[in-house]
Protein backbone atom coordinates (compact mmCIF):
# COMPACT_ATOMS: atom_id res chain seq x y z
CA MET A 1 -15.05 6.55 42.46
CA GLN A 2 -14.20 9.83 42.36
CA ASP A 3 -10.68 9.13 43.77
CA ASN A 4 -9.86 5.95 41.27
CA ASN A 5 -10.72 8.12 38.44
CA ALA A 6 -8.41 11.05 39.34
CA TRP A 7 -5.67 8.52 40.21
CA PHE A 8 -6.01 6.69 37.21
CA GLU A 9 -5.87 10.05 34.86
CA GLN A 10 -2.83 11.35 36.94
CA VAL A 11 -1.48 8.10 36.52
CA TYR A 12 -1.81 8.10 32.50
CA ARG A 13 -0.73 11.45 32.37
CA LYS A 14 2.39 11.04 33.73
CA ASN A 15 3.79 7.78 31.84
CA TYR A 16 1.68 7.78 28.64
CA ALA A 17 4.63 9.62 26.95
CA GLN A 18 7.13 7.63 28.47
CA LEU A 19 5.12 4.74 27.56
CA LEU A 20 4.90 5.63 23.86
CA LYS A 21 8.98 6.64 23.79
CA LEU A 22 9.98 3.03 25.13
CA SER A 23 7.54 1.26 22.87
CA TYR A 24 8.91 3.28 19.67
CA TYR A 25 12.12 2.35 20.47
CA THR A 26 11.60 -0.91 19.87
CA LEU A 27 8.82 -0.88 17.09
CA ASN A 28 9.26 1.67 14.98
CA ASP A 29 5.37 2.11 14.31
CA ARG A 30 3.56 4.83 15.84
CA HIS A 31 -0.12 3.86 15.28
CA LEU A 32 0.91 0.12 17.04
CA CYS A 33 2.66 1.73 20.04
CA GLU A 34 -0.06 4.01 20.27
CA ASP A 35 -2.16 1.07 20.28
CA LEU A 36 -0.39 -1.09 22.77
CA VAL A 37 0.16 1.86 25.27
CA GLU A 38 -3.99 2.32 24.97
CA ASP A 39 -3.75 -1.16 25.72
CA VAL A 40 -1.62 -1.01 29.19
CA PHE A 41 -3.95 1.55 30.43
CA TYR A 42 -7.20 -0.22 29.46
CA ILE A 43 -5.50 -3.06 31.46
CA LEU A 44 -4.96 -0.96 34.15
CA LEU A 45 -8.32 0.21 33.77
CA LYS A 46 -9.42 -3.02 34.17
CA LYS A 47 -7.50 -4.24 37.52
CA GLN A 48 -7.78 -0.40 39.03
CA ASP A 49 -8.57 -1.80 42.63
CA GLU A 50 -5.86 -4.34 42.71
CA LEU A 51 -3.67 -1.80 41.65
CA MET A 52 -3.71 1.53 43.37
CA PRO A 53 -1.59 0.03 46.26
CA HIS A 54 0.77 -1.06 44.13
CA PRO A 55 4.40 0.47 45.41
CA ASN A 56 5.64 0.75 41.80
CA ILE A 57 2.95 1.38 39.43
CA ALA A 58 5.29 3.14 36.49
CA GLY A 59 7.55 -0.13 36.43
CA TRP A 60 4.04 -2.22 36.53
CA LEU A 61 2.50 -0.55 33.25
CA THR A 62 6.51 -0.79 31.84
CA ILE A 63 6.93 -4.39 32.50
CA THR A 64 3.06 -4.92 30.98
CA LEU A 65 4.07 -2.90 28.12
CA LYS A 66 7.38 -4.82 27.74
CA HIS A 67 5.14 -8.25 27.89
CA LEU A 68 2.39 -6.61 24.83
CA ILE A 69 5.46 -5.32 22.79
CA TYR A 70 7.32 -8.89 23.33
CA ASP A 71 3.78 -10.85 21.90
CA GLU A 72 3.61 -8.69 18.81
CA LEU A 73 6.11 -9.18 17.78
CA LYS A 74 6.24 -13.11 18.71
CA SER A 75 2.93 -12.69 16.55
CA ALA A 76 4.19 -10.81 13.27
CA LYS A 77 6.52 -13.04 12.89
CA HIS A 78 3.45 -15.84 11.80
CA ARG A 79 1.40 -12.97 10.38
CA LEU A 80 1.66 -12.05 6.61
CA GLU A 81 1.10 -8.05 5.96
CA LEU A 82 -0.25 -6.65 2.67
CA PRO A 83 0.01 -3.68 1.94
CA LEU A 84 -3.66 -1.76 1.36
CA CYS A 85 -2.27 0.37 -1.33
CA PHE A 86 -1.47 -0.74 -4.78
CA GLU A 87 0.41 1.08 -7.47
CA SER A 88 -2.82 0.60 -9.98
CA ASP A 89 -1.17 2.98 -12.53
CA LYS A 90 1.68 0.39 -13.57
CA ALA A 91 1.53 -2.15 -15.57
CA ALA A 92 2.57 -5.63 -14.31
CA TYR A 93 6.08 -6.62 -15.80
CA ASP A 94 6.27 -9.93 -17.18
CA ALA A 95 9.67 -11.69 -18.35
CA TYR A 96 7.88 -13.72 -20.53
CA GLU A 97 6.28 -11.37 -22.53
CA GLU A 98 7.80 -10.00 -25.80
CA PRO A 99 7.58 -6.24 -26.72
CA LEU A 100 4.70 -5.57 -29.12
CA SER A 101 7.24 -3.53 -31.67
CA SER A 102 9.53 -7.08 -32.06
CA ILE A 103 6.47 -8.85 -33.33
CA LEU A 104 4.57 -6.05 -35.47
CA PRO A 105 5.66 -7.09 -39.23
CA GLU A 106 8.43 -4.84 -40.48
CA GLY A 107 6.16 -3.56 -43.61
CA LEU A 108 3.74 -1.27 -41.23
CA ARG A 109 4.92 2.23 -41.60
CA PRO A 110 6.22 4.06 -38.07
CA LYS A 111 2.64 6.10 -37.53
CA GLU A 112 0.75 2.49 -37.62
CA ARG A 113 3.26 1.11 -35.01
CA GLU A 114 2.87 4.14 -32.65
CA ILE A 115 -0.51 3.30 -32.73
CA PHE A 116 -0.32 -0.61 -32.43
CA ILE A 117 2.07 0.30 -29.32
CA LEU A 118 -0.18 3.04 -27.76
CA LEU A 119 -3.44 0.86 -28.34
CA TYR A 120 -2.30 -2.52 -27.64
CA GLU A 121 0.74 -2.55 -25.77
CA GLU A 122 -0.32 0.88 -23.29
CA GLN A 123 -3.74 -0.02 -23.51
CA LEU A 124 -4.71 3.50 -24.35
CA SER A 125 -8.45 4.56 -24.88
CA TYR A 126 -8.58 6.36 -28.92
CA GLU A 127 -9.24 9.58 -26.97
CA GLU A 128 -5.98 9.31 -25.07
CA ILE A 129 -3.95 8.66 -28.00
CA ALA A 130 -5.72 11.40 -29.69
CA CYS A 131 -4.62 13.65 -27.02
CA ARG A 132 -0.79 12.21 -26.95
CA LEU A 133 -0.69 12.50 -30.69
CA GLY A 134 -2.34 16.10 -31.34
CA ILE A 135 -5.07 14.75 -33.71
CA THR A 136 -8.60 14.45 -33.23
CA GLU A 137 -10.50 11.24 -31.99
CA ALA A 138 -12.04 10.69 -35.26
CA ASN A 139 -8.78 10.55 -37.08
CA CYS A 140 -7.29 8.53 -34.27
CA ARG A 141 -9.92 5.53 -34.80
CA ALA A 142 -9.68 6.36 -38.67
CA ARG A 143 -5.22 5.15 -38.46
CA ALA A 144 -6.29 2.81 -36.36
CA TYR A 145 -8.47 1.28 -38.77
CA ARG A 146 -6.20 1.27 -41.15
CA ALA A 147 -3.22 0.08 -39.27
CA LYS A 148 -5.01 -2.72 -38.54
CA ALA A 149 -5.82 -3.28 -42.65
CA HIS A 150 -2.42 -2.86 -43.05
CA TYR A 151 -1.73 -5.96 -40.54
CA ARG A 152 -4.28 -7.97 -41.91
CA ASP A 153 -2.34 -7.71 -45.18
CA LEU A 154 0.63 -8.17 -44.11
CA ALA A 155 0.14 -11.22 -42.60
CA ALA A 156 -2.08 -12.66 -45.23
CA ASP A 157 1.28 -11.92 -47.76
CA LYS A 158 3.33 -14.12 -45.17
CA THR A 159 0.90 -17.47 -45.33
């Protein structure tokens, strides 16, 4: 048993870097390459008793790795991969949505338009709007209330 462990460790140390480099040339994914090379050595470990007398163990490892790479490439064609992280700070773009500034009535003052755009288009909180405009949160709420009232008046006049 001790001889088997020493043999396996020697083969591992001698061939690991070379197999990793070989797989990286094909796959260009370090983590996947490490997984496949570890799979090759796992297979070697399971078949250790049969393969100890093998005359060209490095060749056997290389061929086994090539088969695993081929299997991975073949299965990757049929596998849908989605990224794990999303850009949550960016809103999704809707090509059919008009900008709010083009929909707002002409009678609104520039400060009222700005409050509407920050509140509804950019969906900022009152606190964030106040920081951006350099006013207090209470002042921001009052401006938003007055802008909404002015908008209702303008909408009522159109009908």
